[in-house]
Amino acid sequence: MASIFTKIVQGEIPSYKVAENEKFYAFLDINPLSKGHTLVIPKQEIDYVFDLEDDLLAALHVFAKKVAKAIEKVIECKRVGVAVYGLDVPHAHVHLIPLVKGHELNFTLEKLSLTPEEFVSIADAINNEFVKM
C-alpha cells in the first residue's frame, strides 16, 4: 500500500506544494510547528531516510537547502531548522521549520491552526522564491 506521501506526489491527495523537481517534492506540513513548516520528500517511496542511496540522500539535502533558502525569503525567522523525525509516515522525509522564537523544533509543541487561504498564500510565496533560484 502506498504511503500518504506517495499519494500526495501522485496527486491522489491534495497538498500545498512549495517546490518540485524530477526526484523530490516539497509541501507545507498541514500540522505546522511554525508558518512555513515544510516537508521535503523523495518521490521514490523509501521508508527510512538512511536507507536512501548515498547520491539520493545527498541530492535530497541539496534540494532541501534550496527550499530552505526560499522559506527564509518569505518567512521572517532566525533561520530554518532541519529535523529528520520520520516515525509518523513510512516515507523518508525532512522537516524544514522556520525558527522564529528558536524553540520550534520541539514536536510536542501545540501545532498551528492555519486557514486554507493562509496555506495557499505561504506555499505560493515560497514557490515563487524557489523558482527564482
C-alpha atoms as a PDB file:
ATOM      1  CA  MET A   1       0.000   0.000   0.000  1.00  0.00           C
ATOM      2  CA  ALA A   2       1.334   3.428  -0.951  1.00  0.00           C
ATOM      3  CA  SER A   3       2.213   5.881   1.803  1.00  0.00           C
ATOM      4  CA  ILE A   4       0.245   9.094   2.225  1.00  0.00           C
ATOM      5  CA  PHE A   5       3.274  10.947   0.831  1.00  0.00           C
ATOM      6  CA  THR A   6       3.316   8.794  -2.307  1.00  0.00           C
ATOM      7  CA  LYS A   7      -0.374   9.566  -2.756  1.00  0.00           C
ATOM      8  CA  ILE A   8       0.454  13.270  -2.436  1.00  0.00           C
ATOM      9  CA  VAL A   9       3.191  13.003  -5.091  1.00  0.00           C
ATOM     10  CA  GLN A  10       0.790  11.132  -7.397  1.00  0.00           C
ATOM     11  CA  GLY A  11      -1.886  13.807  -6.930  1.00  0.00           C
ATOM     12  CA  GLU A  12      -4.331  11.456  -5.195  1.00  0.00           C
ATOM     13  CA  ILE A  13      -4.266  13.623  -2.053  1.00  0.00           C
ATOM     14  CA  PRO A  14      -4.036  17.428  -2.293  1.00  0.00           C
ATOM     15  CA  SER A  15      -1.099  19.316  -0.819  1.00  0.00           C
ATOM     16  CA  TYR A  16       0.295  22.821  -0.570  1.00  0.00           C
ATOM     17  CA  LYS A  17       3.252  22.329  -2.904  1.00  0.00           C
ATOM     18  CA  VAL A  18       6.189  24.696  -2.489  1.00  0.00           C
ATOM     19  CA  ALA A  19       8.747  23.037  -4.781  1.00  0.00           C
ATOM     20  CA  GLU A  20       9.261  20.062  -7.054  1.00  0.00           C
ATOM     21  CA  ASN A  21      11.759  18.567  -9.451  1.00  0.00           C
ATOM     22  CA  GLU A  22      12.106  15.152 -11.088  1.00  0.00           C
ATOM     23  CA  LYS A  23      13.257  13.446  -7.858  1.00  0.00           C
ATOM     24  CA  PHE A  24      11.837  15.470  -4.967  1.00  0.00           C
ATOM     25  CA  TYR A  25       8.666  17.133  -3.750  1.00  0.00           C
ATOM     26  CA  ALA A  26       8.280  19.760  -1.010  1.00  0.00           C
ATOM     27  CA  PHE A  27       4.987  20.769   0.566  1.00  0.00           C
ATOM     28  CA  LEU A  28       3.684  22.531   3.651  1.00  0.00           C
ATOM     29  CA  ASP A  29       3.075  20.415   6.735  1.00  0.00           C
ATOM     30  CA  ILE A  30      -0.666  20.625   7.497  1.00  0.00           C
ATOM     31  CA  ASN A  31       0.117  20.426  11.228  1.00  0.00           C
ATOM     32  CA  PRO A  32       2.892  23.017  11.325  1.00  0.00           C
ATOM     33  CA  LEU A  33       5.109  23.934  14.241  1.00  0.00           C
ATOM     34  CA  SER A  34       5.565  27.369  12.620  1.00  0.00           C
ATOM     35  CA  LYS A  35       4.363  29.153   9.490  1.00  0.00           C
ATOM     36  CA  GLY A  36       6.257  27.776   6.511  1.00  0.00           C
ATOM     37  CA  HIS A  37       6.956  24.350   8.118  1.00  0.00           C
ATOM     38  CA  THR A  38       7.734  22.280   5.036  1.00  0.00           C
ATOM     39  CA  LEU A  39       8.256  18.582   4.365  1.00  0.00           C
ATOM     40  CA  VAL A  40      10.762  17.548   1.713  1.00  0.00           C
ATOM     41  CA  ILE A  41      10.493  14.027   0.341  1.00  0.00           C
ATOM     42  CA  PRO A  42      11.994  11.893  -2.387  1.00  0.00           C
ATOM     43  CA  LYS A  43       9.340  10.927  -4.918  1.00  0.00           C
ATOM     44  CA  GLN A  44      10.572   7.369  -4.660  1.00  0.00           C
ATOM     45  CA  GLU A  45       8.937   5.732  -1.648  1.00  0.00           C
ATOM     46  CA  ILE A  46      11.642   4.573   0.741  1.00  0.00           C
ATOM     47  CA  ASP A  47      10.688   4.192   4.397  1.00  0.00           C
ATOM     48  CA  TYR A  48      13.826   5.319   6.208  1.00  0.00           C
ATOM     49  CA  VAL A  49      15.976   8.298   5.263  1.00  0.00           C
ATOM     50  CA  PHE A  50      19.183   6.367   5.934  1.00  0.00           C
ATOM     51  CA  ASP A  51      18.092   3.638   3.526  1.00  0.00           C
ATOM     52  CA  LEU A  52      18.351   6.130   0.645  1.00  0.00           C
ATOM     53  CA  GLU A  53      21.242   5.538  -1.735  1.00  0.00           C
ATOM     54  CA  ASP A  54      24.085   7.949  -0.967  1.00  0.00           C
ATOM     55  CA  ASP A  55      23.594  10.032  -4.108  1.00  0.00           C
ATOM     56  CA  LEU A  56      19.848  10.364  -3.483  1.00  0.00           C
ATOM     57  CA  LEU A  57      20.403  11.292   0.175  1.00  0.00           C
ATOM     58  CA  ALA A  58      22.927  13.964  -0.851  1.00  0.00           C
ATOM     59  CA  ALA A  59      20.597  15.300  -3.552  1.00  0.00           C
ATOM     60  CA  LEU A  60      17.712  15.399  -1.045  1.00  0.00           C
ATOM     61  CA  HIS A  61      19.739  17.697   1.183  1.00  0.00           C
ATOM     62  CA  VAL A  62      20.803  19.928  -1.723  1.00  0.00           C
ATOM     63  CA  PHE A  63      17.149  20.251  -2.779  1.00  0.00           C
ATOM     64  CA  ALA A  64      16.119  20.920   0.841  1.00  0.00           C
ATOM     65  CA  LYS A  65      18.771  23.649   1.070  1.00  0.00           C
ATOM     66  CA  LYS A  66      17.250  25.449  -1.911  1.00  0.00           C
ATOM     67  CA  VAL A  67      13.776  25.135  -0.369  1.00  0.00           C
ATOM     68  CA  ALA A  68      15.099  26.445   2.976  1.00  0.00           C
ATOM     69  CA  LYS A  69      16.628  29.477   1.246  1.00  0.00           C
ATOM     70  CA  ALA A  70      13.243  30.190  -0.377  1.00  0.00           C
ATOM     71  CA  ILE A  71      11.499  29.844   3.006  1.00  0.00           C
ATOM     72  CA  GLU A  72      13.953  32.343   4.547  1.00  0.00           C
ATOM     73  CA  LYS A  73      12.993  34.906   1.899  1.00  0.00           C
ATOM     74  CA  VAL A  74       9.293  34.570   2.760  1.00  0.00           C
ATOM     75  CA  ILE A  75       9.109  33.843   6.488  1.00  0.00           C
ATOM     76  CA  GLU A  76      10.836  36.213   8.886  1.00  0.00           C
ATOM     77  CA  CYS A  77      12.884  33.866  11.045  1.00  0.00           C
ATOM     78  CA  LYS A  78      16.279  33.481  12.696  1.00  0.00           C
ATOM     79  CA  ARG A  79      16.994  30.511  10.434  1.00  0.00           C
ATOM     80  CA  VAL A  80      15.360  27.351   9.143  1.00  0.00           C
ATOM     81  CA  GLY A  81      15.807  24.321  11.383  1.00  0.00           C
ATOM     82  CA  VAL A  82      16.125  20.815   9.982  1.00  0.00           C
ATOM     83  CA  ALA A  83      14.759  17.656  11.558  1.00  0.00           C
ATOM     84  CA  VAL A  84      14.632  14.053  10.440  1.00  0.00           C
ATOM     85  CA  TYR A  85      11.993  12.642  12.713  1.00  0.00           C
ATOM     86  CA  GLY A  86      10.336  10.124  10.453  1.00  0.00           C
ATOM     87  CA  LEU A  87       8.313   7.861  12.710  1.00  0.00           C
ATOM     88  CA  ASP A  88       4.867   9.052  11.695  1.00  0.00           C
ATOM     89  CA  VAL A  89       4.911   8.249   7.947  1.00  0.00           C
ATOM     90  CA  PRO A  90       6.776   5.303   6.361  1.00  0.00           C
ATOM     91  CA  HIS A  91       8.336   7.512   3.672  1.00  0.00           C
ATOM     92  CA  ALA A  92      11.694   9.265   4.080  1.00  0.00           C
ATOM     93  CA  HIS A  93      11.258  12.972   4.735  1.00  0.00           C
ATOM     94  CA  VAL A  94      12.969  16.046   6.115  1.00  0.00           C
ATOM     95  CA  HIS A  95      11.232  18.774   8.109  1.00  0.00           C
ATOM     96  CA  LEU A  96      12.243  22.372   7.380  1.00  0.00           C
ATOM     97  CA  ILE A  97      10.956  24.524  10.229  1.00  0.00           C
ATOM     98  CA  PRO A  98      11.321  28.307  10.345  1.00  0.00           C
ATOM     99  CA  LEU A  99      12.735  29.200  13.760  1.00  0.00           C
ATOM    100  CA  VAL A 100      11.062  32.417  14.811  1.00  0.00           C
ATOM    101  CA  LYS A 101      11.383  32.097  18.583  1.00  0.00           C
ATOM    102  CA  GLY A 102      14.122  29.488  18.368  1.00  0.00           C
ATOM    103  CA  HIS A 103      12.410  26.528  20.006  1.00  0.00           C
ATOM    104  CA  GLU A 104      10.055  25.378  17.243  1.00  0.00           C
ATOM    105  CA  LEU A 105      11.915  22.094  16.663  1.00  0.00           C
ATOM    106  CA  ASN A 106      10.028  20.615  19.614  1.00  0.00           C
ATOM    107  CA  PHE A 107       7.491  18.204  18.130  1.00  0.00           C
ATOM    108  CA  THR A 108       5.494  18.157  21.381  1.00  0.00           C
ATOM    109  CA  LEU A 109       4.524  21.819  20.925  1.00  0.00           C
ATOM    110  CA  GLU A 110       0.970  22.677  20.005  1.00  0.00           C
ATOM    111  CA  LYS A 111       0.571  22.810  16.241  1.00  0.00           C
ATOM    112  CA  LEU A 112      -0.550  25.981  14.489  1.00  0.00           C
ATOM    113  CA  SER A 113      -4.018  26.201  13.037  1.00  0.00           C
ATOM    114  CA  LEU A 114      -3.937  27.928   9.654  1.00  0.00           C
ATOM    115  CA  THR A 115      -6.722  28.558   7.168  1.00  0.00           C
ATOM    116  CA  PRO A 116      -6.580  27.062   3.669  1.00  0.00           C
ATOM    117  CA  GLU A 117      -6.042  30.605   2.371  1.00  0.00           C
ATOM    118  CA  GLU A 118      -3.015  31.055   4.659  1.00  0.00           C
ATOM    119  CA  PHE A 119      -1.555  27.745   3.467  1.00  0.00           C
ATOM    120  CA  VAL A 120      -2.048  28.726  -0.187  1.00  0.00           C
ATOM    121  CA  SER A 121      -0.517  32.161   0.363  1.00  0.00           C
ATOM    122  CA  ILE A 122       2.552  30.746   2.132  1.00  0.00           C
ATOM    123  CA  ALA A 123       3.032  27.915  -0.392  1.00  0.00           C
ATOM    124  CA  ASP A 124       2.733  30.282  -3.351  1.00  0.00           C
ATOM    125  CA  ALA A 125       5.183  32.774  -1.843  1.00  0.00           C
ATOM    126  CA  ILE A 126       7.787  30.085  -1.130  1.00  0.00           C
ATOM    127  CA  ASN A 127       7.319  28.566  -4.578  1.00  0.00           C
ATOM    128  CA  ASN A 128       7.767  31.967  -6.216  1.00  0.00           C
ATOM    129  CA  GLU A 129      11.113  32.382  -4.441  1.00  0.00           C
ATOM    130  CA  PHE A 130      12.133  28.791  -5.209  1.00  0.00           C
ATOM    131  CA  VAL A 131      11.608  29.143  -8.953  1.00  0.00           C
ATOM    132  CA  LYS A 132      13.713  32.346  -8.988  1.00  0.00           C
ATOM    133  CA  MET A 133      16.753  30.424  -7.798  1.00  0.00           C
END
